[in-house]
Amino acid sequence: MSVASALRRAPLPEDKARLLSNLTDDLDAAGLWWLSGYAAGLAQHHSVPIAPAALVPESAAEADTGARLTIVYGSQTGNAQRVATGLAERARAHGLHVRLFRADAYPLRELKDERLLYVVISTQGYGDPPDDARGFVEFVAGRRAPKLPDLRFAVLGLGDSSYPQFCAVARKLDERLAELGATRLLARGDADLDIDTVAEPWSRRALDEASEALKPRAVLASVTPLRPQAATAAREAEAEVLLNQRITARESAKDVRHVELALEGIEYEPGDALLVTPRNPPVLVDEVLAVLRTNGDGPIAHDGIELPLRTWLGEKLELTRLARPFVIAHAQRARDENLARLLEPEHAEAFSHWLRALQVVDLLQAAPGAWHAQELIAVLRPLAPRAYSIASSRKAVGEEAHLTVARLEYEYAGAIRRGAASQFLCTCAEGERIAVRLQRNERFRLPQDGARDIVMIGPGTGVAPFRGFVQERTAVGARGRNWLFFGNPHFRSDFLYQAEWQAALKSGTLHRLDLAFSRDQAEKIHVQHRVREHGRELYAWLENGAHLYVCGAAAMAHGVEAVLREVLLEHGARTPDAADEYLANLRAQSRYALDVY
């Protein structure tokens, strides 16, 4: 039976779509397919805090533009920043004059004067740029962009090939710079979730080209951050599981856990996330071994490391998420013409939907014998850490970090499929130690002025960071008001942290709570509907200086933003362009922040 035939016999269930969003929203299944393709949940092993907005030599103002390299990055979760920063450091070590900018700090007026420009940028689920790169991308794509006949450039994109708009932002920038007359120095790189397999060779070539184009300086100018440098790369630590408690009722279709970890010596802030290094479900490893017809005890050597096959599959390689390169390789080995057709560009959206329904074992079972163990190990991508927003404030819980985790579990073709990280975390026993790493999110921070009001929109497990926000604001005695929008399917079984929110309302530390339980009535109600209902009050809060935060699936965030435009048109903005400008100004003032996946 072909893979495509198997798909037709077992179409993608609606529940799977919701579960794949980490159960953080309750939108229609169609919208859920457009979740952020580059989630924080898939950050790579090297996590670094957000760098200064720009790093420039002190003498940059007098520097010859033809003798310098400018690197601009747009990053949502820190990976594009990591790659760009690494390239800049290597270029400086080679004696090159380098400027490194986060995209929202790059002086756009200087683009016309650039002679050598590298751009490293990620793409979000709808083909959107990262929040910090919206202005840069819009400028380059717009009418105000200058002609660039003297510019040489290169672009590296980061994304997730399971989404139709894979590296779309990088592709559009690459094409647009060429349209403006610039010369492409090397071919665009499109990095999938195993970022370094593409980013590393691209960076080496980019460095070689820059070294050839620029004359290295004998003496390097000192590099001065434009604002204080954050801590260096976050270290991996072992955290003990102190509590693993289900916080949805037994009758709920969702198994959501509150997990408390001992986290000594790691100073996080509300809005940050923890990268958790998972292990694949043992039952899934057994299924793969059964297809390969081996017990998994034999050693396999790969990349200079020798481990038992079972260890490779359980701890080192991705089994729960398919990647396009593996599907291409499998289609060739299995000689599956239907699968090959599904890989064609005109079927990109259908392929994206299909890709999320299957795991590696489903392809292996559809064509048994297509792979030998050594070959399979070589083609599977590394098992990546998953990011979880921290649901606590250190001022309230001390040397701990709390997580809100939804277990991903669904049925496909009669078999139960489980997510790696959620299954791992939800089954961790108290006293067990797990590997974690801090992932800072400087763009999702509480206002420094505690008198400012905040509005938090977080359905499902998207509420996690807002628990930390309210704890922090309570601990420091912030005078500003706190307004939370929360939604889930059912009030009785899915109201996460219900007792805490009710206590916060009673004590006055939470000033407003608007709820949307979508399945408790005939007509589905989501947080977007509540935002629209209370549009007048929300607009008044924003006009009074409130900060607005949205956390959860990208589909939900897009729906919320569409409703925000409606609210602005009804209560303030006169035209759609004016509404867009209002939201852009909020972003520029760091008063509209998203943490989406």
Protein backbone atom coordinates (compact mmCIF):
# COMPACT_ATOMS: atom_id res chain seq x y z
CA MET A 1 0.00 0.00 0.00
CA SER A 2 1.41 3.41 -0.97
CA VAL A 3 1.81 6.22 1.54
CA ALA A 4 -0.74 8.31 -0.31
CA SER A 5 -3.20 5.43 -0.20
CA ALA A 6 -2.66 5.08 3.52
CA LEU A 7 -3.41 8.76 3.92
CA ARG A 8 -6.68 8.47 2.00
CA ARG A 9 -7.72 5.58 4.22
CA ALA A 10 -6.91 7.52 7.37
CA PRO A 11 -7.47 11.24 6.74
CA LEU A 12 -5.98 13.76 9.12
CA PRO A 13 -8.23 14.04 12.20
CA GLU A 14 -9.37 17.43 13.42
CA ASP A 15 -8.17 16.59 16.93
CA LYS A 16 -4.66 16.07 15.57
CA ALA A 17 -4.64 19.60 14.21
CA ARG A 18 -5.53 21.05 17.58
CA LEU A 19 -3.07 18.82 19.43
CA LEU A 20 -0.26 19.84 17.11
CA SER A 21 -0.67 23.39 18.32
CA ASN A 22 0.26 22.11 21.81
CA LEU A 23 -3.44 22.46 22.62
CA THR A 24 -3.09 26.19 23.11
CA ASP A 25 -6.03 27.27 21.05
CA ASP A 26 -9.33 25.96 19.82
CA LEU A 27 -9.69 27.27 16.30
CA ASP A 28 -11.11 25.43 13.32
CA ALA A 29 -8.86 22.61 12.11
CA ALA A 30 -8.15 24.40 8.84
CA GLY A 31 -6.58 27.34 10.60
CA LEU A 32 -4.53 25.14 12.87
CA TRP A 33 -2.45 23.89 9.98
CA TRP A 34 -0.92 27.33 9.72
CA LEU A 35 0.82 27.24 13.05
CA SER A 36 4.23 28.85 13.29
CA GLY A 37 6.68 26.74 11.32
CA TYR A 38 9.57 27.86 13.42
CA ALA A 39 8.50 27.44 16.90
CA ALA A 40 10.26 28.15 19.82
CA GLY A 41 9.52 24.59 20.48
CA LEU A 42 12.16 23.62 17.92
CA ALA A 43 15.09 25.76 18.88
CA GLN A 44 18.46 24.17 18.25
CA HIS A 45 20.96 22.97 20.84
CA HIS A 46 22.81 26.30 20.96
CA SER A 47 20.59 28.86 22.62
CA VAL A 48 21.81 32.39 23.18
CA PRO A 49 20.14 35.39 24.73
CA ILE A 50 19.08 38.23 22.48
CA ALA A 51 22.10 40.26 21.55
CA PRO A 52 22.34 44.02 21.59
CA ALA A 53 20.42 45.73 18.81
CA ALA A 54 23.68 46.34 17.00
CA LEU A 55 27.39 45.75 17.35
CA VAL A 56 29.53 48.26 15.46
CA PRO A 57 33.15 49.40 15.58
CA GLU A 58 33.66 52.72 17.32
CA SER A 59 35.04 54.18 14.10
CA ALA A 60 32.15 52.94 11.97
CA ALA A 61 30.96 56.45 11.21
CA GLU A 62 34.17 57.16 9.31
CA ALA A 63 34.57 53.66 7.89
CA ASP A 64 34.78 53.12 4.14
CA THR A 65 31.49 51.43 3.21
CA GLY A 66 33.28 49.50 0.49
CA ALA A 67 35.63 47.88 2.99
CA ARG A 68 33.12 46.55 5.47
CA LEU A 69 30.69 43.66 5.83
CA THR A 70 27.22 44.36 7.25
CA ILE A 71 25.25 41.44 8.69
CA VAL A 72 21.54 41.89 9.45
CA TYR A 73 19.48 39.24 11.22
CA GLY A 74 15.80 38.75 11.93
CA SER A 75 15.13 36.22 14.68
CA GLN A 76 12.03 35.08 16.54
CA THR A 77 13.55 32.46 18.84
CA GLY A 78 17.26 33.27 18.73
CA ASN A 79 18.51 30.84 16.08
CA ALA A 80 19.02 33.38 13.28
CA GLN A 81 20.74 35.62 15.81
CA ARG A 82 23.04 32.77 16.85
CA VAL A 83 24.07 32.03 13.27
CA ALA A 84 24.57 35.71 12.40
CA THR A 85 26.57 36.38 15.56
CA GLY A 86 28.78 33.37 14.92
CA LEU A 87 29.46 34.52 11.37
CA ALA A 88 30.29 38.03 12.56
CA GLU A 89 32.72 36.72 15.17
CA ARG A 90 34.49 34.51 12.63
CA ALA A 91 34.70 37.38 10.15
CA ARG A 92 36.23 39.66 12.77
CA ALA A 93 38.71 36.93 13.68
CA HIS A 94 39.77 36.96 10.01
CA GLY A 95 40.51 40.67 10.26
CA LEU A 96 37.38 41.90 8.50
CA HIS A 97 35.54 45.09 9.39
CA VAL A 98 32.08 43.83 10.43
CA ARG A 99 28.84 45.45 11.54
CA LEU A 100 26.14 43.25 13.09
CA PHE A 101 22.56 44.52 13.39
CA ARG A 102 19.28 43.14 14.57
CA ALA A 103 16.92 44.05 11.74
CA ASP A 104 14.88 46.57 13.73
CA ALA A 105 18.07 48.43 14.68
CA TYR A 106 19.49 48.63 11.18
CA PRO A 107 19.52 52.24 9.87
CA LEU A 108 17.52 51.82 6.66
CA ARG A 109 18.88 55.03 5.17
CA GLU A 110 22.29 53.33 4.96
CA LEU A 111 21.13 50.52 2.67
CA LYS A 112 21.89 52.60 -0.44
CA ASP A 113 25.52 52.90 0.68
CA GLU A 114 26.15 49.25 1.50
CA ARG A 115 28.58 47.32 -0.65
CA LEU A 116 28.55 43.91 1.07
CA LEU A 117 25.44 42.73 2.94
CA TYR A 118 24.54 39.36 4.47
CA VAL A 119 21.02 38.71 5.77
CA VAL A 120 20.13 35.82 8.11
CA ILE A 121 16.39 35.61 8.68
CA SER A 122 13.74 33.14 9.81
CA THR A 123 10.22 32.62 8.49
CA GLN A 124 7.13 32.13 10.66
CA GLY A 125 4.15 29.89 9.87
CA TYR A 126 2.20 32.09 7.44
CA GLY A 127 5.32 33.13 5.59
CA ASP A 128 5.72 36.07 7.95
CA PRO A 129 8.97 37.71 9.03
CA PRO A 130 10.04 37.70 12.68
CA ASP A 131 8.68 40.57 14.75
CA ASP A 132 12.06 42.30 14.80
CA ALA A 133 12.36 42.22 11.00
CA ARG A 134 8.96 43.47 9.84
CA GLY A 135 10.11 47.02 9.18
CA PHE A 136 13.28 45.90 7.38
CA VAL A 137 11.40 43.47 5.14
CA GLU A 138 8.65 46.00 4.36
CA PHE A 139 11.22 48.66 3.48
CA VAL A 140 13.17 46.42 1.13
CA ALA A 141 9.95 45.20 -0.52
CA GLY A 142 8.42 48.68 -0.77
CA ARG A 143 8.63 51.65 -3.08
CA ARG A 144 11.11 53.52 -0.90
CA ALA A 145 13.81 50.90 -1.34
CA PRO A 146 16.77 52.38 -3.28
CA LYS A 147 18.40 50.94 -6.38
CA LEU A 148 21.43 48.89 -5.35
CA PRO A 149 23.72 48.44 -8.36
CA ASP A 150 26.89 48.46 -6.23
CA LEU A 151 25.72 45.98 -3.59
CA ARG A 152 26.85 42.36 -3.30
CA PHE A 153 24.71 40.25 -1.01
CA ALA A 154 23.82 36.81 0.30
CA VAL A 155 20.78 35.55 2.20
CA LEU A 156 20.39 32.61 4.59
CA GLY A 157 16.86 31.54 5.52
CA LEU A 158 15.75 29.50 8.52
CA GLY A 159 12.44 27.68 8.59
CA ASP A 160 10.52 24.42 8.79
CA SER A 161 10.08 22.47 5.54
CA SER A 162 6.82 20.97 6.76
CA TYR A 163 5.15 24.33 6.12
CA PRO A 164 4.19 25.53 2.62
CA GLN A 165 5.93 28.89 3.11
CA PHE A 166 9.29 27.32 3.96
CA CYS A 167 11.92 30.10 4.13
CA ALA A 168 9.55 32.37 2.18
CA VAL A 169 10.86 35.57 3.78
CA ALA A 170 14.45 34.74 2.83
CA ARG A 171 13.38 33.85 -0.70
CA LYS A 172 11.50 37.11 -1.16
CA LEU A 173 14.38 39.19 0.21
CA ASP A 174 16.84 37.36 -2.02
CA GLU A 175 14.71 37.99 -5.11
CA ARG A 176 13.96 41.60 -4.19
CA LEU A 177 17.59 42.56 -3.61
CA ALA A 178 18.40 41.16 -7.05
CA GLU A 179 15.49 43.15 -8.54
CA LEU A 180 16.99 46.30 -7.02
CA GLY A 181 20.15 45.68 -9.01
CA ALA A 182 22.30 44.01 -6.36
CA THR A 183 24.63 41.12 -7.24
CA ARG A 184 24.07 37.77 -5.53
CA LEU A 185 27.42 36.71 -4.07
CA LEU A 186 26.33 33.13 -3.34
CA ALA A 187 23.15 31.12 -3.60
CA ARG A 188 20.53 31.52 -0.90
CA GLY A 189 20.68 28.92 1.86
CA ASP A 190 17.43 27.42 3.16
CA ALA A 191 18.02 25.80 6.56
CA ASP A 192 15.47 23.37 7.98
CA LEU A 193 15.08 22.49 11.65
CA ASP A 194 18.50 20.83 11.65
CA ILE A 195 19.83 24.31 11.08
CA ASP A 196 23.57 23.76 11.13
CA THR A 197 23.61 21.21 8.30
CA VAL A 198 22.88 24.11 5.95
CA ALA A 199 23.93 27.14 8.00
CA GLU A 200 27.47 25.91 8.68
CA PRO A 201 28.56 25.31 5.05
CA TRP A 202 26.73 28.47 3.95
CA SER A 203 28.57 30.47 6.62
CA ARG A 204 31.92 29.03 5.54
CA ARG A 205 31.28 30.02 1.93
CA ALA A 206 30.02 33.44 2.99
CA LEU A 207 33.18 33.99 5.03
CA ASP A 208 35.38 32.94 2.11
CA GLU A 209 33.55 35.33 -0.22
CA ALA A 210 33.80 38.20 2.28
CA SER A 211 37.51 37.57 2.81
CA GLU A 212 38.02 37.67 -0.94
CA ALA A 213 35.97 40.83 -1.34
CA LEU A 214 37.41 42.79 1.57
CA LYS A 215 40.97 43.53 2.49
CA PRO A 216 41.53 42.37 6.07
CA ARG A 217 42.77 45.00 8.49
CA ALA A 218 45.96 44.53 10.42
CA VAL A 219 44.45 46.13 13.51
CA LEU A 220 40.80 45.62 14.41
CA ALA A 221 38.66 48.36 15.84
CA SER A 222 37.19 47.58 19.21
CA VAL A 223 33.57 46.49 19.17
CA THR A 224 31.18 48.40 21.40
CA PRO A 225 27.58 47.33 22.02
CA LEU A 226 24.99 50.07 21.57
CA ARG A 227 23.31 48.79 24.72
CA PRO A 228 24.48 46.46 27.50
CA GLN A 229 25.44 42.97 26.37
CA ALA A 230 23.29 40.20 27.80
CA ALA A 231 24.85 37.14 29.38
CA THR A 232 26.74 34.73 27.17
CA ALA A 233 25.27 31.50 25.81
CA ALA A 234 22.91 29.76 28.20
CA ARG A 235 24.35 26.63 29.76
CA GLU A 236 22.63 23.29 29.92
CA ALA A 237 21.62 22.19 33.39
CA GLU A 238 19.92 19.28 35.07
CA ALA A 239 16.60 20.09 36.72
CA GLU A 240 14.86 17.83 39.21
CA VAL A 241 11.15 17.25 38.73
CA LEU A 242 9.45 18.41 41.93
CA LEU A 243 5.82 18.04 40.83
CA ASN A 244 3.97 16.63 37.82
CA GLN A 245 0.25 17.25 38.27
CA ARG A 246 -2.63 17.03 35.81
CA ILE A 247 -4.65 20.28 35.80
CA THR A 248 -7.45 19.23 33.45
CA ALA A 249 -10.30 17.08 34.66
CA ARG A 250 -10.32 13.35 33.94
CA GLU A 251 -13.22 13.76 31.53
CA SER A 252 -11.31 16.32 29.48
CA ALA A 253 -10.02 15.33 26.06
CA LYS A 254 -6.85 17.22 26.94
CA ASP A 255 -4.20 15.99 29.33
CA VAL A 256 -2.48 19.18 30.50
CA ARG A 257 0.19 19.01 33.20
CA HIS A 258 1.64 21.53 35.62
CA VAL A 259 5.31 20.60 36.00
CA GLU A 260 7.55 22.15 38.66
CA LEU A 261 11.33 21.92 38.30
CA ALA A 262 14.16 22.73 40.70
CA LEU A 263 16.25 25.22 38.75
CA GLU A 264 19.17 26.41 40.82
CA GLY A 265 21.53 29.01 39.45
CA ILE A 266 19.55 29.92 36.32
CA GLU A 267 18.16 33.44 36.50
CA TYR A 268 15.19 33.63 34.17
CA GLU A 269 12.67 36.42 33.74
CA PRO A 270 8.94 36.21 33.02
CA GLY A 271 8.57 35.71 29.27
CA ASP A 272 11.58 33.39 28.96
CA ALA A 273 11.31 29.73 27.97
CA LEU A 274 13.02 26.49 28.89
CA LEU A 275 14.45 24.26 26.18
CA VAL A 276 13.80 20.66 27.19
CA THR A 277 15.83 17.86 25.63
CA PRO A 278 13.29 15.03 25.18
CA ARG A 279 13.53 11.31 24.50
CA ASN A 280 11.36 9.53 21.97
CA PRO A 281 8.55 7.34 23.35
CA PRO A 282 9.92 3.78 23.89
CA VAL A 283 6.91 2.24 22.16
CA LEU A 284 7.70 4.29 19.06
CA VAL A 285 11.32 3.14 19.10
CA ASP A 286 10.11 -0.46 19.32
CA GLU A 287 7.88 0.06 16.28
CA VAL A 288 10.78 1.39 14.23
CA LEU A 289 13.01 -1.49 15.31
CA ALA A 290 10.27 -3.96 14.32
CA VAL A 291 10.16 -2.51 10.81
CA LEU A 292 13.96 -2.73 10.59
CA ARG A 293 13.77 -6.31 11.95
CA THR A 294 16.38 -5.82 14.66
CA ASN A 295 16.45 -5.70 18.44
CA GLY A 296 18.45 -2.47 18.38
CA ASP A 297 21.32 -3.74 20.54
CA GLY A 298 23.92 -3.67 17.80
CA PRO A 299 26.26 -0.67 17.59
CA ILE A 300 25.94 1.88 14.79
CA ALA A 301 28.71 4.35 14.01
CA HIS A 302 27.75 7.79 12.68
CA ASP A 303 29.56 11.14 12.69
CA GLY A 304 32.41 9.66 14.69
CA ILE A 305 30.12 8.33 17.43
CA GLU A 306 29.23 4.69 18.05
CA LEU A 307 26.03 3.91 19.94
CA PRO A 308 23.48 1.08 20.04
CA LEU A 309 20.78 1.55 17.42
CA ARG A 310 18.15 1.76 20.18
CA THR A 311 20.02 4.71 21.74
CA TRP A 312 20.26 6.52 18.40
CA LEU A 313 16.50 6.14 17.89
CA GLY A 314 15.50 6.88 21.47
CA GLU A 315 17.75 9.81 22.36
CA LYS A 316 19.50 11.24 19.33
CA LEU A 317 17.25 11.31 16.25
CA GLU A 318 13.89 12.82 15.35
CA LEU A 319 11.13 10.21 15.02
CA THR A 320 7.94 12.16 15.78
CA ARG A 321 8.33 14.91 13.16
CA LEU A 322 8.91 14.28 9.49
CA ALA A 323 11.24 16.45 7.44
CA ARG A 324 10.95 17.02 3.72
CA PRO A 325 14.49 15.71 2.95
CA PHE A 326 13.66 12.39 4.58
CA VAL A 327 10.37 12.14 2.70
CA ILE A 328 12.19 12.80 -0.59
CA ALA A 329 14.75 10.12 0.22
CA HIS A 330 12.02 7.66 1.21
CA ALA A 331 10.00 8.31 -1.96
CA GLN A 332 13.06 7.47 -4.03
CA ARG A 333 13.87 4.31 -2.09
CA ALA A 334 10.29 3.08 -1.96
CA ARG A 335 9.63 4.08 -5.60
CA ASP A 336 6.33 5.55 -4.46
CA GLU A 337 4.98 7.57 -7.37
CA ASN A 338 2.03 8.95 -5.39
CA LEU A 339 4.38 10.26 -2.72
CA ALA A 340 6.66 11.75 -5.37
CA ARG A 341 3.69 13.62 -6.87
CA LEU A 342 2.74 14.92 -3.43
CA LEU A 343 6.21 16.46 -3.18
CA GLU A 344 5.68 18.58 -6.30
CA PRO A 345 5.46 22.38 -5.71
CA GLU A 346 1.79 22.67 -6.70
CA HIS A 347 0.85 20.32 -3.86
CA ALA A 348 2.77 22.23 -1.17
CA GLU A 349 -0.24 22.95 1.03
CA ALA A 350 -1.61 19.41 0.80
CA PHE A 351 1.86 18.06 1.54
CA SER A 352 2.11 20.30 4.59
CA HIS A 353 -1.19 18.97 5.94
CA TRP A 354 -0.18 15.40 5.22
CA LEU A 355 3.26 15.77 6.77
CA ARG A 356 1.84 16.63 10.18
CA ALA A 357 -0.33 13.53 10.31
CA LEU A 358 2.53 11.08 9.95
CA GLN A 359 5.66 10.14 11.85
CA VAL A 360 8.79 8.40 10.59
CA VAL A 361 7.44 4.96 11.42
CA ASP A 362 4.37 5.51 9.21
CA LEU A 363 6.55 5.87 6.12
CA LEU A 364 8.70 2.91 7.13
CA GLN A 365 5.63 0.71 7.60
CA ALA A 366 4.17 1.80 4.27
CA ALA A 367 7.25 0.47 2.48
CA PRO A 368 8.95 -2.19 4.66
CA GLY A 369 12.49 -3.05 3.73
CA ALA A 370 13.26 0.28 2.09
CA TRP A 371 15.89 1.13 4.69
CA HIS A 372 18.80 -0.50 6.46
CA ALA A 373 19.61 0.74 9.95
CA GLN A 374 22.91 2.44 9.04
CA GLU A 375 21.31 4.31 6.13
CA LEU A 376 18.34 5.39 8.21
CA ILE A 377 20.55 6.78 10.98
CA ALA A 378 22.47 8.83 8.42
CA VAL A 379 19.39 10.50 6.92
CA LEU A 380 17.25 11.23 10.00
CA ARG A 381 17.70 14.70 11.49
CA PRO A 382 18.89 15.25 15.07
CA LEU A 383 16.35 15.26 17.90
CA ALA A 384 15.86 18.96 18.70
CA PRO A 385 14.99 20.43 22.09
CA ARG A 386 11.46 21.80 22.51
CA ALA A 387 10.76 25.20 24.04
CA TYR A 388 8.17 25.72 26.79
CA SER A 389 7.23 29.14 28.13
CA ILE A 390 8.03 29.43 31.81
CA ALA A 391 4.84 29.70 33.86
CA SER A 392 6.29 31.28 36.98
CA SER A 393 8.24 34.19 38.45
CA ARG A 394 11.39 33.60 40.48
CA LYS A 395 10.22 36.29 42.87
CA ALA A 396 7.25 34.07 43.69
CA VAL A 397 8.66 30.53 43.49
CA GLY A 398 12.38 30.97 44.23
CA GLU A 399 14.82 28.50 42.67
CA GLU A 400 12.12 26.79 40.60
CA ALA A 401 10.62 27.02 37.14
CA HIS A 402 7.08 25.92 36.34
CA LEU A 403 5.86 24.65 32.95
CA THR A 404 2.40 24.05 31.48
CA VAL A 405 2.56 21.03 29.19
CA ALA A 406 -0.18 19.51 27.00
CA ARG A 407 0.34 15.86 26.09
CA LEU A 408 0.19 15.30 22.34
CA GLU A 409 -1.52 12.01 21.56
CA TYR A 410 -3.67 11.10 18.57
CA GLU A 411 -4.70 8.15 16.40
CA TYR A 412 -3.50 7.60 12.86
CA ALA A 413 -4.46 4.54 10.77
CA GLY A 414 -5.40 2.63 13.91
CA ALA A 415 -2.16 3.38 15.74
CA ILE A 416 -1.56 5.75 18.64
CA ARG A 417 0.97 8.47 17.89
CA ARG A 418 2.59 10.59 20.60
CA GLY A 419 4.73 13.70 20.70
CA ALA A 420 8.30 13.31 21.91
CA ALA A 421 8.66 16.21 24.35
CA SER A 422 5.11 16.32 25.71
CA GLN A 423 5.05 12.56 26.30
CA PHE A 424 8.48 12.77 27.93
CA LEU A 425 7.55 15.63 30.26
CA CYS A 426 4.09 14.38 31.12
CA THR A 427 5.45 11.00 32.19
CA CYS A 428 8.47 12.27 34.16
CA ALA A 429 8.33 11.02 37.72
CA GLU A 430 8.94 13.29 40.68
CA GLY A 431 12.64 13.11 41.58
CA GLU A 432 13.69 12.45 37.98
CA ARG A 433 16.31 14.80 36.50
CA ILE A 434 15.98 16.22 33.01
CA ALA A 435 18.29 18.32 30.81
CA VAL A 436 17.15 21.90 30.25
CA ARG A 437 18.57 25.12 28.85
CA LEU A 438 17.29 28.67 29.24
CA GLN A 439 16.01 30.46 26.15
CA ARG A 440 15.68 34.18 26.75
CA ASN A 441 12.95 36.18 25.06
CA GLU A 442 13.87 39.84 25.35
CA ARG A 443 10.97 40.84 23.09
CA PHE A 444 8.35 39.39 25.46
CA ARG A 445 8.99 41.38 28.61
CA LEU A 446 6.84 43.18 31.14
CA PRO A 447 6.99 47.00 30.96
CA GLN A 448 9.68 48.50 33.14
CA ASP A 449 7.13 51.01 34.37
CA GLY A 450 4.98 49.05 36.82
CA ALA A 451 2.24 51.67 36.53
CA ARG A 452 1.52 50.57 32.95
CA ASP A 453 -1.53 48.37 32.34
CA ILE A 454 -1.08 45.05 30.54
CA VAL A 455 -3.47 42.99 28.42
CA MET A 456 -2.71 39.26 28.06
CA ILE A 457 -4.33 37.00 25.44
CA GLY A 458 -3.43 33.35 25.98
CA PRO A 459 -5.85 30.49 25.25
CA GLY A 460 -4.96 26.94 26.27
CA THR A 461 -1.37 26.47 27.37
CA GLY A 462 -0.64 29.89 25.87
CA VAL A 463 -1.64 31.17 29.30
CA ALA A 464 1.64 29.87 30.77
CA PRO A 465 3.80 33.02 30.58
CA PHE A 466 0.93 35.14 31.90
CA ARG A 467 0.88 33.17 35.12
CA GLY A 468 4.49 34.30 35.53
CA PHE A 469 3.57 37.87 34.54
CA VAL A 470 0.90 38.16 37.23
CA GLN A 471 3.15 36.55 39.85
CA GLU A 472 5.92 39.02 39.01
CA ARG A 473 3.65 42.07 39.03
CA THR A 474 2.19 40.98 42.37
CA ALA A 475 5.64 40.43 43.90
CA VAL A 476 7.00 43.85 42.90
CA GLY A 477 3.79 45.71 43.77
CA ALA A 478 3.18 46.98 40.22
CA ARG A 479 0.32 49.50 40.25
CA GLY A 480 -0.80 48.88 36.68
CA ARG A 481 -3.92 46.84 35.93
CA ASN A 482 -3.78 43.26 34.58
CA TRP A 483 -6.37 41.99 32.07
CA LEU A 484 -6.40 38.35 30.92
CA PHE A 485 -8.26 36.72 28.02
CA PHE A 486 -8.33 32.92 28.32
CA GLY A 487 -10.09 30.23 26.31
CA ASN A 488 -10.37 26.44 26.02
CA PRO A 489 -13.11 23.97 25.05
CA HIS A 490 -14.94 23.49 28.39
CA PHE A 491 -15.27 25.48 31.62
CA ARG A 492 -15.72 22.46 33.89
CA SER A 493 -12.77 20.42 32.62
CA ASP A 494 -10.33 22.77 30.84
CA PHE A 495 -10.10 25.97 32.92
CA LEU A 496 -6.33 25.98 33.54
CA TYR A 497 -5.26 27.47 36.89
CA GLN A 498 -8.88 28.35 37.67
CA ALA A 499 -8.39 28.62 41.43
CA GLU A 500 -5.35 30.88 41.02
CA TRP A 501 -7.11 33.27 38.64
CA GLN A 502 -10.15 33.47 40.89
CA ALA A 503 -7.94 34.19 43.91
CA ALA A 504 -6.10 36.87 41.92
CA LEU A 505 -9.40 38.49 40.99
CA LYS A 506 -10.52 38.44 44.61
CA SER A 507 -7.25 39.96 45.85
CA GLY A 508 -7.19 42.60 43.12
CA THR A 509 -3.93 41.45 41.50
CA LEU A 510 -5.94 40.46 38.40
CA HIS A 511 -8.32 43.21 37.42
CA ARG A 512 -10.20 41.65 34.50
CA LEU A 513 -10.71 38.09 33.30
CA ASP A 514 -12.61 37.37 30.08
CA LEU A 515 -13.25 33.73 29.22
CA ALA A 516 -14.09 31.90 25.98
CA PHE A 517 -15.08 28.24 26.33
CA SER A 518 -15.76 27.23 22.78
CA ARG A 519 -17.73 23.99 23.25
CA ASP A 520 -20.01 24.99 26.11
CA GLN A 521 -22.67 26.31 23.73
CA ALA A 522 -23.94 25.60 20.22
CA GLU A 523 -21.92 28.41 18.68
CA LYS A 524 -18.16 28.23 19.10
CA ILE A 525 -16.70 31.16 21.02
CA HIS A 526 -12.98 31.92 20.93
CA VAL A 527 -10.80 34.58 22.53
CA GLN A 528 -11.07 36.64 19.33
CA HIS A 529 -14.79 37.00 19.95
CA ARG A 530 -14.19 38.29 23.48
CA VAL A 531 -11.62 40.77 22.18
CA ARG A 532 -14.19 42.09 19.71
CA GLU A 533 -16.92 42.26 22.38
CA HIS A 534 -14.71 44.37 24.62
CA GLY A 535 -13.11 46.38 21.85
CA ARG A 536 -14.07 49.78 23.23
CA GLU A 537 -12.47 49.08 26.63
CA LEU A 538 -9.42 47.49 25.01
CA TYR A 539 -8.89 50.51 22.78
CA ALA A 540 -9.17 52.79 25.81
CA TRP A 541 -6.51 50.74 27.61
CA LEU A 542 -4.18 50.96 24.62
CA GLU A 543 -4.73 54.69 24.30
CA ASN A 544 -3.82 54.96 27.98
CA GLY A 545 -0.46 53.25 27.32
CA ALA A 546 -1.24 49.59 27.99
CA HIS A 547 1.05 46.83 26.73
CA LEU A 548 -0.55 43.99 24.74
CA TYR A 549 0.74 40.38 24.77
CA VAL A 550 -0.41 37.37 22.75
CA CYS A 551 0.85 33.81 23.37
CA GLY A 552 -0.19 30.59 21.65
CA ALA A 553 -0.58 29.12 18.19
CA ALA A 554 0.15 31.30 15.18
CA ALA A 555 -3.34 30.72 13.76
CA MET A 556 -4.87 32.14 16.94
CA ALA A 557 -2.48 35.09 16.90
CA HIS A 558 -3.42 35.93 13.31
CA GLY A 559 -7.09 35.76 14.24
CA VAL A 560 -6.53 38.06 17.20
CA GLU A 561 -4.64 40.56 15.05
CA ALA A 562 -7.45 40.60 12.48
CA VAL A 563 -9.92 41.41 15.27
CA LEU A 564 -7.58 44.09 16.65
CA ARG A 565 -7.70 45.80 13.25
CA GLU A 566 -11.50 45.69 13.38
CA VAL A 567 -11.46 47.20 16.86
CA LEU A 568 -9.13 49.98 15.75
CA LEU A 569 -11.28 50.76 12.71
CA GLU A 570 -14.39 50.93 14.86
CA HIS A 571 -12.97 53.01 17.67
CA GLY A 572 -9.95 54.95 16.44
CA ALA A 573 -8.35 54.38 13.04
CA ARG A 574 -10.12 55.83 10.02
CA THR A 575 -8.63 53.52 7.37
CA PRO A 576 -7.11 50.02 7.22
CA ASP A 577 -3.71 51.59 6.61
CA ALA A 578 -4.13 53.69 9.74
CA ALA A 579 -5.01 50.56 11.74
CA ASP A 580 -1.88 48.81 10.44
CA GLU A 581 0.19 51.87 11.33
CA TYR A 582 -1.28 51.88 14.86
CA LEU A 583 -0.23 48.26 15.37
CA ALA A 584 3.19 48.95 13.85
CA ASN A 585 3.68 51.82 16.29
CA LEU A 586 2.73 49.55 19.19
CA ARG A 587 5.39 47.07 18.04
CA ALA A 588 7.97 49.83 17.64
CA GLN A 589 7.26 50.96 21.21
CA SER A 590 7.56 47.32 22.44
CA ARG A 591 3.89 47.51 23.49
CA TYR A 592 2.63 44.70 21.24
CA ALA A 593 4.51 41.42 21.71
CA LEU A 594 3.82 37.93 20.42
CA ASP A 595 5.13 34.56 21.57
CA VAL A 596 3.69 32.19 18.99
CA TYR A 597 4.46 28.78 17.54
